């Protein structure tokens, strides 16, 4: 019965992908989701302090206004949320720089998340 159910479910799934290649590409993109996107919640909760990361991003990823706005947050979590609000406008290079800043300043957190 399980085998029959699998056969019945799989053709519909592969047929859907064949009919709509764009969602298939999106699914592939999600599999290759950037580290900073994949661990958004954990990074917001566990990154502290945030200022050294902002300092590394200032002038390359963040302009002065964005830098000051993020720094105005009262907690590390609020600062990280403000930083993540900017992320939809970032390209892969910006996300890579953010990842490298996190790795440089919070090495053990990044190693812990990469181990998962």
N, C-alpha and C. Protein backbone atom coordinates (compact mmCIF):
# COMPACT_ATOMS: atom_id res chain seq x y z
N UNK A 1 0.83 -1.19 0.00
CA UNK A 1 0.00 0.00 0.00
C UNK A 1 0.87 1.26 0.00
N UNK A 2 1.92 1.29 0.81
CA UNK A 2 2.81 2.45 0.84
C UNK A 2 3.45 2.67 -0.53
N UNK A 3 3.87 1.58 -1.17
CA UNK A 3 4.49 1.68 -2.47
C UNK A 3 3.50 2.26 -3.49
N UNK A 4 2.26 1.80 -3.44
CA UNK A 4 1.23 2.31 -4.35
C UNK A 4 0.98 3.79 -4.10
N UNK A 5 0.94 4.18 -2.85
CA UNK A 5 0.72 5.58 -2.50
C UNK A 5 1.87 6.44 -3.00
N UNK A 6 3.08 5.96 -2.85
CA UNK A 6 4.26 6.68 -3.34
C UNK A 6 4.19 6.86 -4.84
N UNK A 7 3.81 5.83 -5.56
CA UNK A 7 3.71 5.90 -7.01
C UNK A 7 2.63 6.91 -7.41
N UNK A 8 1.54 6.93 -6.67
CA UNK A 8 0.46 7.86 -6.98
C UNK A 8 0.86 9.30 -6.70
N UNK A 9 1.62 9.53 -5.63
CA UNK A 9 1.98 10.89 -5.25
C UNK A 9 3.13 11.44 -6.09
N UNK A 10 4.09 10.62 -6.42
CA UNK A 10 5.27 11.10 -7.14
C UNK A 10 4.98 11.63 -8.53
N UNK A 11 4.18 10.98 -9.36
CA UNK A 11 3.94 11.54 -10.68
C UNK A 11 3.31 12.94 -10.63
N UNK A 12 2.42 13.17 -9.70
CA UNK A 12 1.79 14.49 -9.59
C UNK A 12 2.85 15.53 -9.23
N UNK A 13 3.74 15.18 -8.32
CA UNK A 13 4.80 16.11 -7.92
C UNK A 13 5.74 16.40 -9.06
N UNK A 14 6.16 15.39 -9.80
CA UNK A 14 7.09 15.63 -10.90
C UNK A 14 6.38 16.30 -12.06
N UNK A 15 5.08 16.00 -12.26
CA UNK A 15 4.32 16.64 -13.31
C UNK A 15 4.18 18.13 -13.05
N UNK A 16 3.96 18.48 -11.79
CA UNK A 16 3.85 19.89 -11.43
C UNK A 16 5.13 20.63 -11.72
N UNK A 17 6.26 20.00 -11.44
CA UNK A 17 7.54 20.64 -11.70
C UNK A 17 7.76 20.80 -13.20
N UNK A 18 7.36 19.80 -13.96
CA UNK A 18 7.55 19.86 -15.40
C UNK A 18 6.70 20.93 -16.04
N UNK A 19 5.50 21.14 -15.51
CA UNK A 19 4.59 22.14 -16.06
C UNK A 19 5.01 23.56 -15.69
N UNK A 20 5.64 23.71 -14.54
CA UNK A 20 6.03 25.04 -14.06
C UNK A 20 7.50 25.04 -13.68
N UNK A 21 8.39 25.26 -14.64
CA UNK A 21 9.82 25.22 -14.33
C UNK A 21 10.26 26.31 -13.36
N UNK A 22 9.57 27.44 -13.33
CA UNK A 22 9.98 28.51 -12.42
C UNK A 22 9.90 28.10 -10.95
N UNK A 23 8.79 27.50 -10.48
CA UNK A 23 8.79 27.04 -9.09
C UNK A 23 9.88 26.01 -8.82
N UNK A 24 10.18 25.18 -9.82
CA UNK A 24 11.25 24.21 -9.65
C UNK A 24 12.57 24.93 -9.41
N UNK A 25 12.80 26.00 -10.17
CA UNK A 25 14.01 26.79 -9.97
C UNK A 25 14.01 27.42 -8.58
N UNK A 26 12.84 27.90 -8.14
CA UNK A 26 12.74 28.50 -6.82
C UNK A 26 13.04 27.46 -5.75
N UNK A 27 12.53 26.26 -5.95
CA UNK A 27 12.79 25.19 -4.99
C UNK A 27 14.28 24.92 -4.92
N UNK A 28 14.95 24.92 -6.05
CA UNK A 28 16.40 24.73 -6.08
C UNK A 28 17.08 25.87 -5.35
N UNK A 29 16.61 27.08 -5.54
CA UNK A 29 17.18 28.23 -4.86
C UNK A 29 17.06 28.11 -3.36
N UNK A 30 15.94 27.57 -2.89
CA UNK A 30 15.76 27.40 -1.46
C UNK A 30 16.73 26.37 -0.90
N UNK A 31 17.02 25.35 -1.70
CA UNK A 31 17.99 24.35 -1.25
C UNK A 31 19.36 24.99 -1.09
N UNK A 32 19.64 26.00 -1.90
CA UNK A 32 20.92 26.70 -1.84
C UNK A 32 20.77 28.02 -1.10
N UNK A 33 19.83 28.09 -0.17
CA UNK A 33 19.56 29.30 0.58
C UNK A 33 20.83 29.75 1.31
N UNK A 34 21.06 31.04 1.31
CA UNK A 34 22.26 31.60 1.94
C UNK A 34 22.23 31.35 3.44
N UNK A 35 23.38 31.16 4.03
CA UNK A 35 23.52 30.91 5.46
C UNK A 35 22.74 31.94 6.29
N UNK A 36 22.89 33.23 5.95
CA UNK A 36 22.25 34.28 6.76
C UNK A 36 20.74 34.28 6.63
N UNK A 37 20.22 33.72 5.53
CA UNK A 37 18.77 33.56 5.39
C UNK A 37 18.29 32.32 6.14
N UNK A 38 19.04 31.24 6.00
CA UNK A 38 18.67 29.96 6.60
C UNK A 38 18.63 30.05 8.13
N UNK A 39 19.56 30.80 8.72
CA UNK A 39 19.66 30.88 10.18
C UNK A 39 19.21 32.23 10.73
N UNK A 40 18.30 32.87 10.02
CA UNK A 40 17.82 34.21 10.41
C UNK A 40 17.40 34.25 11.87
N UNK A 41 16.50 33.38 12.27
CA UNK A 41 15.95 33.41 13.63
C UNK A 41 17.06 33.21 14.67
N UNK A 42 17.92 32.22 14.45
CA UNK A 42 18.99 31.95 15.41
C UNK A 42 19.98 33.10 15.48
N UNK A 43 20.28 33.71 14.34
CA UNK A 43 21.22 34.84 14.34
C UNK A 43 20.63 36.05 15.05
N UNK A 44 19.35 36.30 14.85
CA UNK A 44 18.70 37.42 15.56
C UNK A 44 18.72 37.16 17.06
N UNK A 45 18.42 35.95 17.48
CA UNK A 45 18.34 35.63 18.90
C UNK A 45 19.71 35.60 19.58
N UNK A 46 20.73 35.13 18.87
CA UNK A 46 21.99 34.80 19.53
C UNK A 46 23.18 35.71 19.23
N UNK A 47 23.06 36.63 18.27
CA UNK A 47 24.19 37.49 17.95
C UNK A 47 24.28 38.63 18.95
N UNK A 48 25.41 38.69 19.63
CA UNK A 48 25.67 39.76 20.58
C UNK A 48 27.18 39.85 20.80
N UNK A 49 27.75 41.02 20.84
CA UNK A 49 27.17 42.31 20.49
C UNK A 49 27.06 42.47 18.97
N UNK A 50 26.23 43.39 18.54
CA UNK A 50 25.98 43.62 17.12
C UNK A 50 26.91 44.69 16.55
N UNK A 51 27.31 45.65 17.39
CA UNK A 51 28.10 46.78 16.91
C UNK A 51 29.37 46.40 16.14
N UNK A 52 30.15 45.42 16.59
CA UNK A 52 31.35 45.07 15.83
C UNK A 52 31.04 44.57 14.41
N UNK A 53 29.90 43.93 14.25
CA UNK A 53 29.47 43.45 12.93
C UNK A 53 29.07 44.66 12.06
N UNK A 54 28.33 45.58 12.68
CA UNK A 54 27.94 46.79 11.96
C UNK A 54 29.16 47.58 11.50
N UNK A 55 30.16 47.65 12.37
CA UNK A 55 31.39 48.37 12.03
C UNK A 55 32.05 47.78 10.79
N UNK A 56 32.05 46.45 10.67
CA UNK A 56 32.64 45.81 9.50
C UNK A 56 31.81 46.02 8.23
N UNK A 57 30.51 46.21 8.39
CA UNK A 57 29.63 46.40 7.23
C UNK A 57 29.49 47.87 6.82
N UNK A 58 29.85 48.76 7.73
CA UNK A 58 29.70 50.20 7.48
C UNK A 58 30.61 50.64 6.33
N UNK A 59 30.00 51.33 5.37
CA UNK A 59 30.77 51.84 4.24
C UNK A 59 30.81 50.90 3.04
N UNK A 60 30.51 49.63 3.27
CA UNK A 60 30.46 48.69 2.14
C UNK A 60 29.03 48.22 1.91
N UNK A 61 28.43 47.62 2.92
CA UNK A 61 27.06 47.12 2.82
C UNK A 61 26.08 48.17 3.36
N UNK A 62 26.48 48.85 4.42
CA UNK A 62 25.62 49.84 5.08
C UNK A 62 26.13 51.25 4.84
N UNK A 63 25.21 52.15 4.51
CA UNK A 63 25.61 53.55 4.46
C UNK A 63 25.48 54.13 5.86
N UNK A 64 25.86 55.38 6.04
CA UNK A 64 25.90 55.99 7.37
C UNK A 64 24.51 56.04 8.02
N UNK A 65 23.50 56.38 7.23
CA UNK A 65 22.14 56.46 7.78
C UNK A 65 21.66 55.09 8.26
N UNK A 66 21.88 54.06 7.46
CA UNK A 66 21.48 52.70 7.85
C UNK A 66 22.25 52.27 9.10
N UNK A 67 23.53 52.56 9.14
CA UNK A 67 24.38 52.22 10.28
C UNK A 67 23.83 52.85 11.56
N UNK A 68 23.52 54.14 11.49
CA UNK A 68 23.01 54.85 12.68
C UNK A 68 21.63 54.34 13.09
N UNK A 69 20.78 54.06 12.12
CA UNK A 69 19.44 53.56 12.41
C UNK A 69 19.51 52.22 13.14
N UNK A 70 20.36 51.33 12.66
CA UNK A 70 20.49 50.02 13.29
C UNK A 70 21.07 50.16 14.69
N UNK A 71 22.08 51.01 14.84
CA UNK A 71 22.71 51.20 16.15
C UNK A 71 21.74 51.78 17.18
N UNK A 72 20.68 52.45 16.72
CA UNK A 72 19.73 53.07 17.64
C UNK A 72 18.85 52.04 18.35
N UNK A 73 18.89 50.80 17.89
CA UNK A 73 18.12 49.76 18.57
C UNK A 73 18.56 49.60 20.01
N UNK A 74 17.62 49.27 20.88
CA UNK A 74 17.95 49.20 22.32
C UNK A 74 18.51 47.83 22.73
N UNK A 75 18.21 46.79 21.97
CA UNK A 75 18.74 45.46 22.29
C UNK A 75 19.45 44.88 21.07
N UNK A 76 20.26 43.87 21.30
CA UNK A 76 20.93 43.19 20.19
C UNK A 76 19.92 42.61 19.21
N UNK A 77 18.83 42.05 19.74
CA UNK A 77 17.81 41.46 18.89
C UNK A 77 17.15 42.52 18.02
N UNK A 78 16.86 43.68 18.59
CA UNK A 78 16.25 44.76 17.82
C UNK A 78 17.20 45.24 16.72
N UNK A 79 18.48 45.33 17.03
CA UNK A 79 19.47 45.75 16.03
C UNK A 79 19.56 44.74 14.90
N UNK A 80 19.55 43.47 15.25
CA UNK A 80 19.62 42.44 14.21
C UNK A 80 18.35 42.45 13.35
N UNK A 81 17.20 42.68 13.95
CA UNK A 81 15.96 42.76 13.17
C UNK A 81 16.01 43.93 12.19
N UNK A 82 16.54 45.07 12.65
CA UNK A 82 16.68 46.24 11.76
C UNK A 82 17.64 45.92 10.62
N UNK A 83 18.70 45.21 10.92
CA UNK A 83 19.65 44.81 9.88
C UNK A 83 18.97 43.89 8.87
N UNK A 84 18.21 42.94 9.36
CA UNK A 84 17.50 42.01 8.47
C UNK A 84 16.42 42.70 7.64
N UNK A 85 15.87 43.81 8.12
CA UNK A 85 14.88 44.54 7.33
C UNK A 85 15.49 45.10 6.04
N UNK A 86 16.79 45.35 6.04
CA UNK A 86 17.48 45.86 4.86
C UNK A 86 17.81 44.75 3.86
N UNK A 87 17.83 43.53 4.32
CA UNK A 87 18.35 42.43 3.53
C UNK A 87 17.65 42.16 2.20
N UNK A 88 16.35 42.41 2.05
CA UNK A 88 15.74 42.16 0.73
C UNK A 88 16.42 42.91 -0.41
N UNK A 89 17.06 44.03 -0.12
CA UNK A 89 17.73 44.79 -1.18
C UNK A 89 19.18 44.33 -1.41
N UNK A 90 19.65 43.38 -0.62
CA UNK A 90 21.04 42.93 -0.73
C UNK A 90 21.20 41.86 -1.80
N UNK A 91 22.36 41.86 -2.43
CA UNK A 91 22.72 40.78 -3.34
C UNK A 91 23.55 39.74 -2.57
N UNK A 92 23.99 38.72 -3.26
CA UNK A 92 24.77 37.65 -2.63
C UNK A 92 26.07 38.18 -2.02
N UNK A 93 26.70 39.12 -2.69
CA UNK A 93 27.95 39.69 -2.19
C UNK A 93 27.75 40.36 -0.83
N UNK A 94 26.65 41.11 -0.69
CA UNK A 94 26.34 41.75 0.60
C UNK A 94 26.12 40.70 1.68
N UNK A 95 25.37 39.67 1.35
CA UNK A 95 25.12 38.60 2.32
C UNK A 95 26.42 37.88 2.68
N UNK A 96 27.29 37.69 1.70
CA UNK A 96 28.60 37.08 1.97
C UNK A 96 29.40 37.94 2.95
N UNK A 97 29.37 39.25 2.76
CA UNK A 97 30.11 40.15 3.66
C UNK A 97 29.52 40.10 5.07
N UNK A 98 28.20 40.02 5.17
CA UNK A 98 27.54 39.88 6.46
C UNK A 98 27.97 38.58 7.13
N UNK A 99 27.96 37.49 6.36
CA UNK A 99 28.40 36.20 6.89
C UNK A 99 29.84 36.27 7.39
N UNK A 100 30.73 36.87 6.60
CA UNK A 100 32.13 36.99 6.99
C UNK A 100 32.29 37.84 8.24
N UNK A 101 31.50 38.89 8.37
CA UNK A 101 31.53 39.73 9.58
C UNK A 101 31.07 38.93 10.79
N UNK A 102 30.00 38.17 10.62
CA UNK A 102 29.52 37.31 11.71
C UNK A 102 30.59 36.30 12.11
N UNK A 103 31.21 35.70 11.12
CA UNK A 103 32.24 34.68 11.37
C UNK A 103 33.45 35.29 12.07
N UNK A 104 33.82 36.51 11.69
CA UNK A 104 34.97 37.18 12.30
C UNK A 104 34.70 37.57 13.76
N UNK A 105 33.48 37.98 14.05
CA UNK A 105 33.17 38.51 15.38
C UNK A 105 32.44 37.53 16.29
N UNK A 106 31.79 36.52 15.73
CA UNK A 106 31.05 35.53 16.52
C UNK A 106 31.37 34.13 16.02
N UNK A 107 32.63 33.81 15.98
CA UNK A 107 33.09 32.56 15.40
C UNK A 107 32.40 31.33 15.99
N UNK A 108 32.25 31.30 17.30
CA UNK A 108 31.70 30.10 17.93
C UNK A 108 30.21 29.92 17.61
N UNK A 109 29.49 31.02 17.51
CA UNK A 109 28.07 30.94 17.12
C UNK A 109 27.95 30.37 15.70
N UNK A 110 28.75 30.90 14.79
CA UNK A 110 28.70 30.44 13.40
C UNK A 110 29.10 28.97 13.32
N UNK A 111 30.14 28.58 14.02
CA UNK A 111 30.55 27.17 14.02
C UNK A 111 29.45 26.28 14.56
N UNK A 112 28.75 26.74 15.60
CA UNK A 112 27.66 25.98 16.18
C UNK A 112 26.53 25.81 15.16
N UNK A 113 26.16 26.88 14.48
CA UNK A 113 25.09 26.80 13.50
C UNK A 113 25.50 25.95 12.30
N UNK A 114 26.73 26.05 11.86
CA UNK A 114 27.20 25.26 10.73
C UNK A 114 27.25 23.77 11.08
N UNK A 115 27.40 23.47 12.34
CA UNK A 115 27.42 22.08 12.79
C UNK A 115 26.06 21.44 12.74
N UNK A 116 25.00 22.25 12.68
CA UNK A 116 23.62 21.73 12.65
C UNK A 116 23.25 21.24 11.28
